[in-house]
N, C-alpha and C. Protein backbone atom coordinates (compact mmCIF):
# COMPACT_ATOMS: atom_id res chain seq x y z
N UNK A 1 6.88 57.81 58.44
CA UNK A 1 8.18 57.20 58.13
C UNK A 1 8.07 55.69 58.10
N UNK A 2 7.37 55.13 59.11
CA UNK A 2 7.20 53.68 59.16
C UNK A 2 6.38 53.17 57.99
N UNK A 3 5.39 54.01 57.55
CA UNK A 3 4.57 53.60 56.39
C UNK A 3 5.41 53.53 55.13
N UNK A 4 6.28 54.54 54.92
CA UNK A 4 7.15 54.56 53.74
C UNK A 4 8.12 53.39 53.76
N UNK A 5 8.66 53.13 54.96
CA UNK A 5 9.60 52.01 55.07
C UNK A 5 8.91 50.69 54.79
N UNK A 6 7.70 50.54 55.31
CA UNK A 6 6.96 49.30 55.08
C UNK A 6 6.63 49.10 53.62
N UNK A 7 6.30 50.25 52.93
CA UNK A 7 5.97 50.14 51.50
C UNK A 7 7.19 49.69 50.70
N UNK A 8 8.36 50.29 51.05
CA UNK A 8 9.58 49.90 50.33
C UNK A 8 9.91 48.43 50.58
N UNK A 9 9.72 48.01 51.82
CA UNK A 9 9.99 46.60 52.16
C UNK A 9 9.08 45.67 51.37
N UNK A 10 7.81 46.07 51.24
CA UNK A 10 6.85 45.24 50.53
C UNK A 10 7.19 45.13 49.05
N UNK A 11 7.59 46.26 48.45
CA UNK A 11 7.95 46.26 47.03
C UNK A 11 9.19 45.43 46.79
N UNK A 12 10.17 45.57 47.73
CA UNK A 12 11.39 44.77 47.58
C UNK A 12 11.08 43.28 47.67
N UNK A 13 10.19 42.94 48.57
CA UNK A 13 9.83 41.53 48.72
C UNK A 13 9.15 41.00 47.45
N UNK A 14 8.28 41.82 46.87
CA UNK A 14 7.60 41.41 45.64
C UNK A 14 8.59 41.26 44.49
N UNK A 15 9.55 42.20 44.43
CA UNK A 15 10.57 42.13 43.37
C UNK A 15 11.41 40.87 43.52
N UNK A 16 11.78 40.57 44.76
CA UNK A 16 12.55 39.35 45.01
C UNK A 16 11.77 38.12 44.58
N UNK A 17 10.47 38.15 44.83
CA UNK A 17 9.63 37.02 44.43
C UNK A 17 9.61 36.87 42.91
N UNK A 18 9.57 38.03 42.21
CA UNK A 18 9.58 37.99 40.74
C UNK A 18 10.87 37.39 40.22
N UNK A 19 12.00 37.81 40.83
CA UNK A 19 13.28 37.27 40.39
C UNK A 19 13.38 35.78 40.67
N UNK A 20 12.86 35.36 41.80
CA UNK A 20 12.88 33.94 42.13
C UNK A 20 12.05 33.13 41.15
N UNK A 21 10.89 33.68 40.77
CA UNK A 21 10.04 32.99 39.81
C UNK A 21 10.73 32.88 38.46
N UNK A 22 11.43 33.96 38.06
CA UNK A 22 12.16 33.92 36.78
C UNK A 22 13.24 32.85 36.80
N UNK A 23 13.97 32.80 37.92
CA UNK A 23 15.03 31.80 38.03
C UNK A 23 14.47 30.39 37.95
N UNK A 24 13.32 30.18 38.58
CA UNK A 24 12.71 28.85 38.56
C UNK A 24 12.30 28.45 37.16
N UNK A 25 11.73 29.40 36.41
CA UNK A 25 11.30 29.09 35.05
C UNK A 25 12.48 28.84 34.12
N UNK A 26 13.57 29.59 34.34
CA UNK A 26 14.74 29.42 33.50
C UNK A 26 15.52 28.16 33.85
N UNK A 27 15.30 27.63 35.04
CA UNK A 27 16.02 26.43 35.46
C UNK A 27 15.66 25.24 34.60
N UNK A 28 14.42 25.23 34.09
CA UNK A 28 13.97 24.11 33.25
C UNK A 28 14.83 23.94 32.01
N UNK A 29 14.98 24.99 31.15
CA UNK A 29 15.81 24.85 29.97
C UNK A 29 17.25 24.53 30.30
N UNK A 30 17.77 25.11 31.42
CA UNK A 30 19.15 24.85 31.77
C UNK A 30 19.36 23.38 32.08
N UNK A 31 18.40 22.80 32.80
CA UNK A 31 18.51 21.38 33.14
C UNK A 31 18.47 20.52 31.90
N UNK A 32 17.55 20.86 30.97
CA UNK A 32 17.45 20.09 29.73
C UNK A 32 18.73 20.23 28.91
N UNK A 33 19.30 21.45 28.90
CA UNK A 33 20.52 21.67 28.14
C UNK A 33 21.64 20.82 28.71
N UNK A 34 21.69 20.73 30.05
CA UNK A 34 22.73 19.93 30.69
C UNK A 34 22.60 18.47 30.30
N UNK A 35 21.37 18.02 30.09
CA UNK A 35 21.14 16.63 29.71
C UNK A 35 21.24 16.42 28.21
N UNK A 36 21.40 17.51 27.45
CA UNK A 36 21.50 17.39 26.00
C UNK A 36 20.17 17.15 25.32
N UNK A 37 19.04 17.54 25.97
CA UNK A 37 17.71 17.25 25.42
C UNK A 37 17.12 18.43 24.66
N UNK A 38 17.65 19.64 24.86
CA UNK A 38 17.01 20.82 24.29
C UNK A 38 17.29 20.92 22.79
N UNK A 39 18.54 20.70 22.37
CA UNK A 39 18.91 20.86 20.97
C UNK A 39 19.23 19.50 20.36
N UNK A 40 18.58 19.21 19.26
CA UNK A 40 18.85 17.98 18.52
C UNK A 40 19.24 18.38 17.09
N UNK A 41 20.44 18.03 16.63
CA UNK A 41 20.87 18.43 15.29
C UNK A 41 19.93 17.88 14.22
N UNK A 42 19.84 18.60 13.12
CA UNK A 42 19.02 18.15 12.00
C UNK A 42 19.57 16.84 11.45
N UNK A 43 18.67 15.95 11.06
CA UNK A 43 19.07 14.67 10.50
C UNK A 43 19.38 14.81 9.01
N UNK A 44 20.25 13.96 8.47
CA UNK A 44 20.54 14.01 7.04
C UNK A 44 19.28 13.78 6.21
N UNK A 45 19.25 14.33 5.03
CA UNK A 45 18.11 14.13 4.13
C UNK A 45 18.63 13.91 2.72
N UNK A 46 17.79 13.29 1.90
CA UNK A 46 18.16 13.06 0.51
C UNK A 46 16.94 13.23 -0.38
N UNK A 47 17.20 13.54 -1.64
CA UNK A 47 16.12 13.72 -2.61
C UNK A 47 16.56 13.08 -3.92
N UNK A 48 15.73 12.18 -4.41
CA UNK A 48 15.98 11.54 -5.70
C UNK A 48 15.36 12.43 -6.77
N UNK A 49 16.20 13.18 -7.47
CA UNK A 49 15.70 14.18 -8.41
C UNK A 49 15.49 13.65 -9.82
N UNK A 50 16.15 12.57 -10.15
CA UNK A 50 15.99 11.98 -11.48
C UNK A 50 15.86 10.47 -11.36
N UNK A 51 14.89 9.91 -12.03
CA UNK A 51 14.72 8.46 -12.09
C UNK A 51 14.07 8.13 -13.44
N UNK A 52 14.86 7.66 -14.38
CA UNK A 52 14.38 7.43 -15.74
C UNK A 52 14.86 6.08 -16.25
N UNK A 53 13.94 5.23 -16.66
CA UNK A 53 14.34 3.99 -17.34
C UNK A 53 14.47 4.30 -18.82
N UNK A 54 15.54 3.77 -19.43
CA UNK A 54 15.84 4.14 -20.81
C UNK A 54 16.44 2.95 -21.55
N UNK A 55 16.40 3.05 -22.86
CA UNK A 55 17.00 2.03 -23.72
C UNK A 55 18.07 2.68 -24.58
N UNK A 56 19.23 2.04 -24.63
CA UNK A 56 20.31 2.52 -25.50
C UNK A 56 21.04 1.32 -26.08
N UNK A 57 21.16 1.29 -27.38
CA UNK A 57 21.81 0.19 -28.10
C UNK A 57 21.25 -1.17 -27.67
N UNK A 58 19.95 -1.23 -27.61
CA UNK A 58 19.24 -2.48 -27.29
C UNK A 58 19.54 -3.00 -25.89
N UNK A 59 19.80 -2.11 -24.96
CA UNK A 59 20.02 -2.49 -23.57
C UNK A 59 19.23 -1.55 -22.66
N UNK A 60 18.73 -2.11 -21.56
CA UNK A 60 17.91 -1.33 -20.62
C UNK A 60 18.79 -0.74 -19.53
N UNK A 61 18.54 0.54 -19.24
CA UNK A 61 19.30 1.26 -18.21
C UNK A 61 18.35 2.00 -17.28
N UNK A 62 18.88 2.37 -16.12
CA UNK A 62 18.17 3.24 -15.19
C UNK A 62 19.06 4.42 -14.87
N UNK A 63 18.61 5.62 -15.25
CA UNK A 63 19.33 6.86 -14.94
C UNK A 63 18.81 7.43 -13.63
N UNK A 64 19.71 7.94 -12.79
CA UNK A 64 19.30 8.48 -11.49
C UNK A 64 20.19 9.65 -11.10
N UNK A 65 19.67 10.49 -10.23
CA UNK A 65 20.45 11.58 -9.64
C UNK A 65 19.89 11.86 -8.25
N UNK A 66 20.79 12.10 -7.30
CA UNK A 66 20.41 12.27 -5.90
C UNK A 66 21.02 13.54 -5.35
N UNK A 67 20.25 14.27 -4.56
CA UNK A 67 20.75 15.41 -3.80
C UNK A 67 20.70 15.06 -2.32
N UNK A 68 21.76 15.38 -1.58
CA UNK A 68 21.80 15.08 -0.15
C UNK A 68 22.13 16.34 0.64
N UNK A 69 21.67 16.39 1.88
CA UNK A 69 21.96 17.48 2.79
C UNK A 69 22.25 16.90 4.17
N UNK A 70 23.16 17.55 4.88
CA UNK A 70 23.42 17.15 6.26
C UNK A 70 24.25 15.89 6.40
N UNK A 71 24.98 15.50 5.36
CA UNK A 71 25.82 14.31 5.44
C UNK A 71 27.04 14.49 4.55
N UNK A 72 28.14 13.87 4.94
CA UNK A 72 29.36 13.91 4.13
C UNK A 72 29.42 12.76 3.14
N UNK A 73 28.46 11.86 3.18
CA UNK A 73 28.47 10.71 2.28
C UNK A 73 28.30 11.17 0.83
N UNK A 74 29.15 10.68 -0.04
CA UNK A 74 29.07 11.06 -1.45
C UNK A 74 28.92 9.85 -2.35
N UNK A 75 28.49 8.74 -1.77
CA UNK A 75 28.20 7.55 -2.57
C UNK A 75 26.85 6.98 -2.15
N UNK A 76 26.29 6.15 -3.01
CA UNK A 76 24.97 5.56 -2.76
C UNK A 76 25.03 4.05 -2.97
N UNK A 77 24.25 3.34 -2.19
CA UNK A 77 24.07 1.90 -2.39
C UNK A 77 22.70 1.68 -3.02
N UNK A 78 22.69 1.01 -4.15
CA UNK A 78 21.44 0.76 -4.89
C UNK A 78 21.11 -0.73 -4.79
N UNK A 79 19.89 -1.01 -4.34
CA UNK A 79 19.45 -2.40 -4.20
C UNK A 79 18.22 -2.65 -5.04
N UNK A 80 18.34 -3.57 -5.99
CA UNK A 80 17.18 -4.03 -6.76
C UNK A 80 16.57 -5.16 -5.95
N UNK A 81 15.36 -4.95 -5.45
CA UNK A 81 14.79 -5.85 -4.46
C UNK A 81 14.05 -7.02 -5.12
N UNK A 82 14.55 -8.21 -4.84
CA UNK A 82 13.90 -9.44 -5.30
C UNK A 82 12.91 -9.89 -4.24
N UNK A 83 11.62 -9.90 -4.52
CA UNK A 83 10.63 -10.26 -3.50
C UNK A 83 10.67 -11.72 -3.08
N UNK A 84 11.32 -12.56 -3.88
CA UNK A 84 11.31 -14.00 -3.60
C UNK A 84 12.69 -14.62 -3.51
N UNK A 85 13.73 -13.81 -3.49
CA UNK A 85 15.07 -14.39 -3.47
C UNK A 85 16.13 -13.35 -3.21
N UNK A 86 17.32 -13.60 -3.71
CA UNK A 86 18.46 -12.72 -3.48
C UNK A 86 18.35 -11.45 -4.31
N UNK A 87 18.50 -10.32 -3.66
CA UNK A 87 18.44 -9.03 -4.35
C UNK A 87 19.78 -8.72 -5.01
N UNK A 88 19.76 -7.77 -5.91
CA UNK A 88 20.98 -7.32 -6.57
C UNK A 88 21.41 -6.01 -5.92
N UNK A 89 22.62 -6.00 -5.34
CA UNK A 89 23.11 -4.85 -4.59
C UNK A 89 24.37 -4.31 -5.25
N UNK A 90 24.38 -2.98 -5.45
CA UNK A 90 25.57 -2.31 -5.95
C UNK A 90 25.89 -1.15 -5.01
N UNK A 91 27.08 -1.17 -4.45
CA UNK A 91 27.46 -0.16 -3.47
C UNK A 91 28.60 0.71 -3.98
N UNK A 92 28.81 1.84 -3.29
CA UNK A 92 29.90 2.74 -3.66
C UNK A 92 29.69 3.46 -4.96
N UNK A 93 28.45 3.66 -5.35
CA UNK A 93 28.14 4.33 -6.62
C UNK A 93 28.11 5.84 -6.43
N UNK A 94 28.37 6.62 -7.48
CA UNK A 94 28.25 8.08 -7.38
C UNK A 94 26.80 8.49 -7.19
N UNK A 95 26.59 9.74 -6.79
CA UNK A 95 25.24 10.23 -6.51
C UNK A 95 24.43 10.48 -7.78
N UNK A 96 25.04 10.37 -8.92
CA UNK A 96 24.29 10.43 -10.18
C UNK A 96 24.99 9.53 -11.19
N UNK A 97 24.19 8.85 -11.99
CA UNK A 97 24.79 7.95 -12.95
C UNK A 97 23.77 7.12 -13.69
N UNK A 98 24.25 6.06 -14.32
CA UNK A 98 23.42 5.16 -15.12
C UNK A 98 23.74 3.73 -14.74
N UNK A 99 22.69 2.93 -14.53
CA UNK A 99 22.84 1.53 -14.14
C UNK A 99 22.29 0.62 -15.23
N UNK A 100 23.04 -0.40 -15.55
CA UNK A 100 22.54 -1.43 -16.46
C UNK A 100 21.53 -2.28 -15.70
N UNK A 101 20.39 -2.53 -16.32
CA UNK A 101 19.33 -3.30 -15.65
C UNK A 101 19.84 -4.70 -15.29
N UNK A 102 19.53 -5.20 -14.10
CA UNK A 102 19.96 -6.55 -13.74
C UNK A 102 19.50 -7.58 -14.77
N UNK A 103 20.41 -8.44 -15.17
CA UNK A 103 20.10 -9.45 -16.17
C UNK A 103 20.41 -9.02 -17.59
N UNK A 104 20.63 -7.72 -17.80
CA UNK A 104 21.00 -7.24 -19.13
C UNK A 104 22.50 -7.41 -19.32
N UNK A 105 22.89 -7.79 -20.53
CA UNK A 105 24.30 -7.99 -20.86
C UNK A 105 24.60 -7.25 -22.15
N UNK A 106 25.75 -6.56 -22.17
CA UNK A 106 26.16 -5.84 -23.38
C UNK A 106 27.53 -6.36 -23.83
N UNK A 107 27.82 -6.18 -25.11
CA UNK A 107 29.12 -6.59 -25.62
C UNK A 107 30.14 -5.46 -25.46
N UNK A 108 31.30 -5.62 -26.06
CA UNK A 108 32.37 -4.64 -25.89
C UNK A 108 32.00 -3.28 -26.47
N UNK A 109 31.09 -3.25 -27.39
CA UNK A 109 30.65 -1.98 -27.99
C UNK A 109 29.44 -1.39 -27.25
N UNK A 110 28.99 -2.06 -26.20
CA UNK A 110 27.86 -1.55 -25.43
C UNK A 110 26.51 -1.93 -26.00
N UNK A 111 26.48 -2.85 -26.93
CA UNK A 111 25.21 -3.27 -27.54
C UNK A 111 24.64 -4.45 -26.76
N UNK A 112 23.30 -4.41 -26.52
CA UNK A 112 22.65 -5.47 -25.77
C UNK A 112 22.70 -6.81 -26.47
N UNK A 113 23.09 -7.86 -25.71
CA UNK A 113 23.15 -9.21 -26.29
C UNK A 113 22.37 -10.22 -25.44
N UNK A 114 21.93 -9.79 -24.27
CA UNK A 114 21.09 -10.65 -23.42
C UNK A 114 20.17 -9.74 -22.63
N UNK A 115 18.98 -10.25 -22.28
CA UNK A 115 17.96 -9.41 -21.68
C UNK A 115 17.34 -10.12 -20.47
N UNK A 116 17.01 -9.39 -19.43
CA UNK A 116 16.41 -10.01 -18.25
C UNK A 116 15.07 -10.65 -18.59
N UNK A 117 14.83 -11.84 -18.04
CA UNK A 117 13.58 -12.53 -18.29
C UNK A 117 13.61 -13.43 -19.50
N UNK A 118 14.78 -13.51 -20.16
CA UNK A 118 14.90 -14.36 -21.35
C UNK A 118 16.11 -15.29 -21.21
N UNK A 119 15.99 -16.46 -21.80
CA UNK A 119 17.13 -17.38 -21.87
C UNK A 119 17.19 -17.99 -23.28
N UNK A 120 18.40 -18.28 -23.69
CA UNK A 120 18.61 -18.82 -25.04
C UNK A 120 18.72 -20.34 -24.96
N UNK A 121 17.80 -21.04 -25.63
CA UNK A 121 17.77 -22.50 -25.63
C UNK A 121 17.73 -23.02 -27.07
N UNK A 122 18.76 -23.78 -27.42
CA UNK A 122 18.82 -24.38 -28.76
C UNK A 122 18.65 -23.33 -29.85
N UNK A 123 19.28 -22.18 -29.62
CA UNK A 123 19.24 -21.12 -30.63
C UNK A 123 17.98 -20.29 -30.63
N UNK A 124 17.07 -20.52 -29.68
CA UNK A 124 15.83 -19.75 -29.61
C UNK A 124 15.70 -19.08 -28.24
N UNK A 125 15.14 -17.88 -28.27
CA UNK A 125 14.92 -17.15 -27.02
C UNK A 125 13.60 -17.59 -26.39
N UNK A 126 13.68 -17.93 -25.11
CA UNK A 126 12.51 -18.40 -24.36
C UNK A 126 12.36 -17.53 -23.12
N UNK A 127 11.12 -17.15 -22.84
CA UNK A 127 10.89 -16.33 -21.64
C UNK A 127 11.15 -17.14 -20.38
N UNK A 128 11.73 -16.42 -19.37
CA UNK A 128 11.95 -17.04 -18.07
C UNK A 128 13.42 -17.31 -17.78
N UNK A 129 13.99 -16.56 -16.84
CA UNK A 129 15.34 -16.84 -16.35
C UNK A 129 15.44 -16.32 -14.91
N UNK A 130 16.63 -16.29 -14.34
CA UNK A 130 16.78 -15.90 -12.94
C UNK A 130 16.53 -14.42 -12.70
N UNK A 131 16.35 -13.63 -13.76
CA UNK A 131 16.09 -12.19 -13.61
C UNK A 131 14.70 -11.79 -14.08
N UNK A 132 13.80 -12.74 -14.21
CA UNK A 132 12.47 -12.36 -14.68
C UNK A 132 11.70 -11.52 -13.66
N UNK A 133 12.20 -11.44 -12.41
CA UNK A 133 11.53 -10.65 -11.38
C UNK A 133 11.74 -9.14 -11.55
N UNK A 134 12.65 -8.73 -12.43
CA UNK A 134 12.90 -7.30 -12.62
C UNK A 134 11.97 -6.70 -13.67
N UNK A 135 11.06 -7.48 -14.22
CA UNK A 135 10.13 -6.97 -15.21
C UNK A 135 8.73 -7.52 -14.95
N UNK A 136 7.68 -6.82 -15.23
CA UNK A 136 7.70 -5.50 -15.87
C UNK A 136 8.07 -4.35 -14.94
N UNK A 137 8.08 -4.59 -13.60
CA UNK A 137 8.43 -3.52 -12.66
C UNK A 137 9.19 -4.13 -11.50
N UNK A 138 9.98 -3.29 -10.82
CA UNK A 138 10.78 -3.76 -9.69
C UNK A 138 11.00 -2.60 -8.72
N UNK A 139 11.03 -2.92 -7.42
CA UNK A 139 11.33 -1.92 -6.41
C UNK A 139 12.85 -1.76 -6.29
N UNK A 140 13.27 -0.50 -6.19
CA UNK A 140 14.70 -0.19 -6.08
C UNK A 140 14.90 0.75 -4.88
N UNK A 141 15.85 0.40 -4.02
CA UNK A 141 16.16 1.24 -2.86
C UNK A 141 17.49 1.95 -3.08
N UNK A 142 17.45 3.29 -2.92
CA UNK A 142 18.65 4.11 -2.97
C UNK A 142 18.98 4.52 -1.54
N UNK A 143 20.17 4.16 -1.08
CA UNK A 143 20.51 4.40 0.32
C UNK A 143 21.79 5.21 0.44
N UNK A 144 21.65 6.39 1.03
CA UNK A 144 22.79 7.21 1.42
C UNK A 144 22.75 7.27 2.94
N UNK A 145 21.85 8.04 3.45
CA UNK A 145 21.46 8.11 4.86
C UNK A 145 20.56 9.32 4.98
N UNK A 146 19.25 9.14 4.95
CA UNK A 146 18.50 7.88 4.98
C UNK A 146 18.43 7.22 3.60
N UNK A 147 17.26 6.62 3.27
CA UNK A 147 17.11 5.96 1.98
C UNK A 147 15.75 6.29 1.39
N UNK A 148 15.60 5.99 0.10
CA UNK A 148 14.32 6.15 -0.57
C UNK A 148 14.04 4.88 -1.37
N UNK A 149 12.79 4.47 -1.37
CA UNK A 149 12.36 3.26 -2.09
C UNK A 149 11.40 3.68 -3.20
N UNK A 150 11.69 3.26 -4.42
CA UNK A 150 10.85 3.62 -5.57
C UNK A 150 10.58 2.37 -6.40
N UNK A 151 9.55 2.46 -7.22
CA UNK A 151 9.23 1.39 -8.16
C UNK A 151 9.59 1.85 -9.56
N UNK A 152 10.38 1.07 -10.25
CA UNK A 152 10.79 1.40 -11.61
C UNK A 152 10.19 0.38 -12.58
N UNK A 153 9.99 0.80 -13.80
CA UNK A 153 9.35 -0.04 -14.82
C UNK A 153 10.35 -0.32 -15.94
N UNK A 154 10.46 -1.57 -16.31
CA UNK A 154 11.36 -1.96 -17.39
C UNK A 154 10.96 -1.26 -18.68
N UNK A 155 11.90 -0.62 -19.37
CA UNK A 155 11.54 0.14 -20.56
C UNK A 155 11.13 -0.77 -21.72
N UNK A 156 10.09 -0.41 -22.43
CA UNK A 156 9.66 -1.23 -23.57
C UNK A 156 10.55 -1.00 -24.79
N UNK A 157 10.44 -1.89 -25.73
CA UNK A 157 11.16 -1.71 -26.99
C UNK A 157 10.52 -0.60 -27.81
N UNK A 158 11.31 -0.05 -28.70
CA UNK A 158 10.83 0.97 -29.64
C UNK A 158 11.42 0.63 -31.00
N UNK A 159 10.97 1.31 -32.06
CA UNK A 159 11.55 1.04 -33.38
C UNK A 159 13.06 1.25 -33.44
N UNK A 160 13.58 2.10 -32.54
CA UNK A 160 15.01 2.42 -32.56
C UNK A 160 15.83 1.66 -31.53
N UNK A 161 15.16 1.01 -30.59
CA UNK A 161 15.90 0.36 -29.51
C UNK A 161 15.09 -0.80 -28.95
N UNK A 162 15.67 -1.99 -28.92
CA UNK A 162 14.97 -3.19 -28.45
C UNK A 162 15.45 -3.57 -27.06
N UNK A 163 14.52 -3.75 -26.14
CA UNK A 163 14.86 -4.20 -24.80
C UNK A 163 14.48 -5.66 -24.59
N UNK A 164 14.26 -6.36 -25.68
CA UNK A 164 13.96 -7.79 -25.70
C UNK A 164 14.77 -8.42 -26.84
N UNK A 165 14.85 -9.72 -26.88
CA UNK A 165 15.56 -10.38 -27.99
C UNK A 165 14.94 -10.00 -29.33
N UNK A 166 15.71 -10.09 -30.40
CA UNK A 166 15.19 -9.73 -31.72
C UNK A 166 13.91 -10.48 -32.07
N UNK A 167 12.91 -9.72 -32.50
CA UNK A 167 11.65 -10.30 -32.93
C UNK A 167 10.68 -10.61 -31.81
N UNK A 168 11.05 -10.39 -30.56
CA UNK A 168 10.16 -10.68 -29.44
C UNK A 168 9.40 -9.43 -29.02
N UNK A 169 8.19 -9.64 -28.50
CA UNK A 169 7.35 -8.53 -28.08
C UNK A 169 7.81 -7.95 -26.74
N UNK A 170 7.31 -6.74 -26.46
CA UNK A 170 7.61 -6.11 -25.18
C UNK A 170 6.94 -6.88 -24.04
N UNK A 171 7.49 -6.82 -22.84
CA UNK A 171 6.81 -7.42 -21.67
C UNK A 171 5.45 -6.80 -21.47
N UNK A 172 4.48 -7.58 -21.08
CA UNK A 172 3.13 -7.07 -20.86
C UNK A 172 3.14 -6.02 -19.76
N UNK A 173 2.51 -4.88 -20.05
CA UNK A 173 2.38 -3.83 -19.04
C UNK A 173 3.59 -2.94 -18.89
N UNK A 174 4.64 -3.16 -19.66
CA UNK A 174 5.83 -2.33 -19.53
C UNK A 174 5.61 -1.00 -20.22
N UNK A 175 5.84 0.09 -19.48
CA UNK A 175 5.70 1.44 -20.02
C UNK A 175 6.88 2.26 -19.53
N UNK A 176 7.27 3.31 -20.27
CA UNK A 176 8.38 4.15 -19.81
C UNK A 176 8.03 4.83 -18.49
N UNK A 177 9.05 5.16 -17.71
CA UNK A 177 8.84 5.85 -16.45
C UNK A 177 9.83 6.99 -16.34
N UNK A 178 9.35 8.13 -15.87
CA UNK A 178 10.21 9.27 -15.62
C UNK A 178 9.53 10.13 -14.58
N UNK A 179 10.08 10.18 -13.39
CA UNK A 179 9.44 10.95 -12.34
C UNK A 179 10.44 11.30 -11.26
N UNK A 180 10.00 12.13 -10.31
CA UNK A 180 10.82 12.51 -9.18
C UNK A 180 10.32 11.81 -7.93
N UNK A 181 11.21 11.55 -7.04
CA UNK A 181 10.85 11.00 -5.74
C UNK A 181 11.77 11.61 -4.71
N UNK A 182 11.31 11.72 -3.48
CA UNK A 182 12.13 12.32 -2.44
C UNK A 182 11.89 11.65 -1.12
N UNK A 183 12.86 11.78 -0.26
CA UNK A 183 12.73 11.25 1.09
C UNK A 183 13.64 12.03 2.00
N UNK A 184 13.23 12.23 3.22
CA UNK A 184 14.08 12.91 4.18
C UNK A 184 13.84 12.33 5.56
N UNK A 185 14.86 12.38 6.37
CA UNK A 185 14.73 11.87 7.73
C UNK A 185 13.89 12.82 8.55
N UNK A 186 13.19 12.33 9.58
CA UNK A 186 12.45 13.21 10.47
C UNK A 186 13.38 14.18 11.16
N UNK A 187 12.91 15.37 11.43
CA UNK A 187 13.73 16.41 12.03
C UNK A 187 13.25 16.68 13.44
N UNK A 188 13.79 15.97 14.45
CA UNK A 188 13.30 16.14 15.82
C UNK A 188 13.58 17.52 16.38
N UNK A 189 14.51 18.27 15.77
CA UNK A 189 14.80 19.60 16.29
C UNK A 189 13.59 20.51 16.16
N UNK A 190 12.69 20.22 15.21
CA UNK A 190 11.48 21.04 15.08
C UNK A 190 10.61 20.89 16.31
N UNK A 191 10.43 19.67 16.77
CA UNK A 191 9.63 19.44 17.96
C UNK A 191 10.27 20.07 19.18
N UNK A 192 11.60 19.97 19.26
CA UNK A 192 12.29 20.57 20.38
C UNK A 192 12.17 22.08 20.35
N UNK A 193 12.25 22.66 19.14
CA UNK A 193 12.09 24.10 19.01
C UNK A 193 10.73 24.53 19.50
N UNK A 194 9.69 23.79 19.14
CA UNK A 194 8.35 24.12 19.60
C UNK A 194 8.25 24.06 21.10
N UNK A 195 8.88 23.06 21.71
CA UNK A 195 8.84 22.95 23.16
C UNK A 195 9.54 24.12 23.81
N UNK A 196 10.66 24.55 23.24
CA UNK A 196 11.40 25.68 23.80
C UNK A 196 10.60 26.96 23.70
N UNK A 197 9.95 27.17 22.56
CA UNK A 197 9.11 28.36 22.42
C UNK A 197 8.00 28.36 23.46
N UNK A 198 7.37 27.22 23.67
CA UNK A 198 6.32 27.13 24.67
C UNK A 198 6.83 27.43 26.06
N UNK A 199 8.04 27.00 26.36
CA UNK A 199 8.62 27.24 27.68
C UNK A 199 8.84 28.73 27.91
N UNK A 200 9.38 29.41 26.91
CA UNK A 200 9.62 30.84 27.08
C UNK A 200 8.31 31.64 27.07
N UNK A 201 7.31 31.13 26.41
CA UNK A 201 6.00 31.77 26.49
C UNK A 201 5.47 31.68 27.92
N UNK A 202 5.66 30.52 28.54
CA UNK A 202 5.24 30.36 29.93
C UNK A 202 6.03 31.29 30.84
N UNK A 203 7.32 31.45 30.55
CA UNK A 203 8.15 32.36 31.32
C UNK A 203 7.63 33.79 31.24
N UNK A 204 7.30 34.22 30.01
CA UNK A 204 6.77 35.57 29.84
C UNK A 204 5.47 35.75 30.59
N UNK A 205 4.60 34.74 30.51
CA UNK A 205 3.32 34.83 31.21
C UNK A 205 3.54 34.89 32.72
N UNK A 206 4.49 34.12 33.22
CA UNK A 206 4.77 34.12 34.65
C UNK A 206 5.30 35.46 35.12
N UNK A 207 6.20 36.04 34.34
CA UNK A 207 6.74 37.36 34.70
C UNK A 207 5.65 38.43 34.68
N UNK A 208 4.76 38.33 33.70
CA UNK A 208 3.67 39.30 33.64
C UNK A 208 2.78 39.19 34.87
N UNK A 209 2.51 37.97 35.29
CA UNK A 209 1.68 37.78 36.48
C UNK A 209 2.36 38.32 37.72
N UNK A 210 3.67 38.08 37.85
CA UNK A 210 4.41 38.59 39.00
C UNK A 210 4.44 40.11 38.98
N UNK A 211 4.63 40.68 37.77
CA UNK A 211 4.64 42.14 37.67
C UNK A 211 3.32 42.74 38.10
N UNK A 212 2.23 42.11 37.72
CA UNK A 212 0.90 42.59 38.14
C UNK A 212 0.77 42.54 39.65
N UNK A 213 1.28 41.49 40.24
CA UNK A 213 1.22 41.38 41.70
C UNK A 213 2.00 42.49 42.37
N UNK A 214 3.16 42.83 41.82
CA UNK A 214 3.97 43.92 42.39
C UNK A 214 3.21 45.24 42.36
N UNK A 215 2.56 45.51 41.22
CA UNK A 215 1.79 46.76 41.10
C UNK A 215 0.67 46.81 42.13
N UNK A 216 -0.06 45.72 42.27
CA UNK A 216 -1.18 45.68 43.22
C UNK A 216 -0.69 45.86 44.65
N UNK A 217 0.40 45.21 44.99
CA UNK A 217 0.94 45.35 46.33
C UNK A 217 1.41 46.78 46.60
N UNK A 218 1.99 47.41 45.58
CA UNK A 218 2.44 48.79 45.74
C UNK A 218 1.27 49.72 45.99
N UNK A 219 0.18 49.51 45.25
CA UNK A 219 -1.01 50.36 45.42
C UNK A 219 -1.59 50.19 46.82
N UNK A 220 -1.65 48.94 47.27
CA UNK A 220 -2.18 48.70 48.61
C UNK A 220 -1.31 49.35 49.67
N UNK A 221 0.02 49.30 49.43
CA UNK A 221 0.92 49.91 50.41
C UNK A 221 0.71 51.41 50.48
N UNK A 222 0.47 52.06 49.31
CA UNK A 222 0.24 53.50 49.31
C UNK A 222 -1.05 53.84 50.05
N UNK A 223 -2.07 53.01 49.82
CA UNK A 223 -3.35 53.27 50.49
C UNK A 223 -3.22 53.10 52.01
N UNK A 224 -2.33 52.13 52.38
CA UNK A 224 -2.15 51.93 53.82
C UNK A 224 -1.41 53.10 54.44
C-alpha cells in the first residue's frame, strides 16, 4: 500500500513539475505581449508600376503609376532632385498621372514652346538655363509612405515630336526609358514571427523533456 501511495505521489510531483515548466515557458510571450513587443503591424509599402518618359506635341512628359498597400494615403509627392540647388517639388498628386518635365513650357493648346536646358537670346536658342540639370537624366523621388527613388532620362526628339527647340539636336546620351521600379518598407513582423515560432519550439522541446522524466520516474517507482 505504501509503495502504491509513494508511486502516485511521485507521479503527481512530476506532473506538477511539468505544469510549472509549461507556465514558465509561456510566461515569456505573455510578458512580451504586455510590453507590445511580440506583434508589430506590417509597414506600408508601395510599388512604382509605370515610369515612362514621353514626348507629346513637342513637350517632354513623365508618365507614372503607383500601387500602395497598408496605407490610407492616396496622393504622392514627386521631387525632381537638383544635385546642386533647389529641387522641384510637386505634392498632392494622384497615384497615377502625367507630369510635364521641369523647365518645359506649353501653350494653351498643349504644344511645347520652351524646353529645359535651353534659353532664347536675341531670337536664337542657346543651350544652358536654370533647368539644364534635368537632362540628359535626373533622379526623381516618389513619396507616399515609404518612398522610391528612380533615375529618369529626358526623352529624345523624334521625327514626330521634338523635345528641343526647332532645328536643334537631341541632348547627348538621351534615350527613351520605360521600366518598373518598386520599394517597400521593412516588415519587422516577420522577425517577430520567427522569434515567436522559436519560442514555441522551445516550449514543445521542454514539455517533451518533462514528459520523458515523468515516464522514467514512473518506471522507477514501479520497480521500487
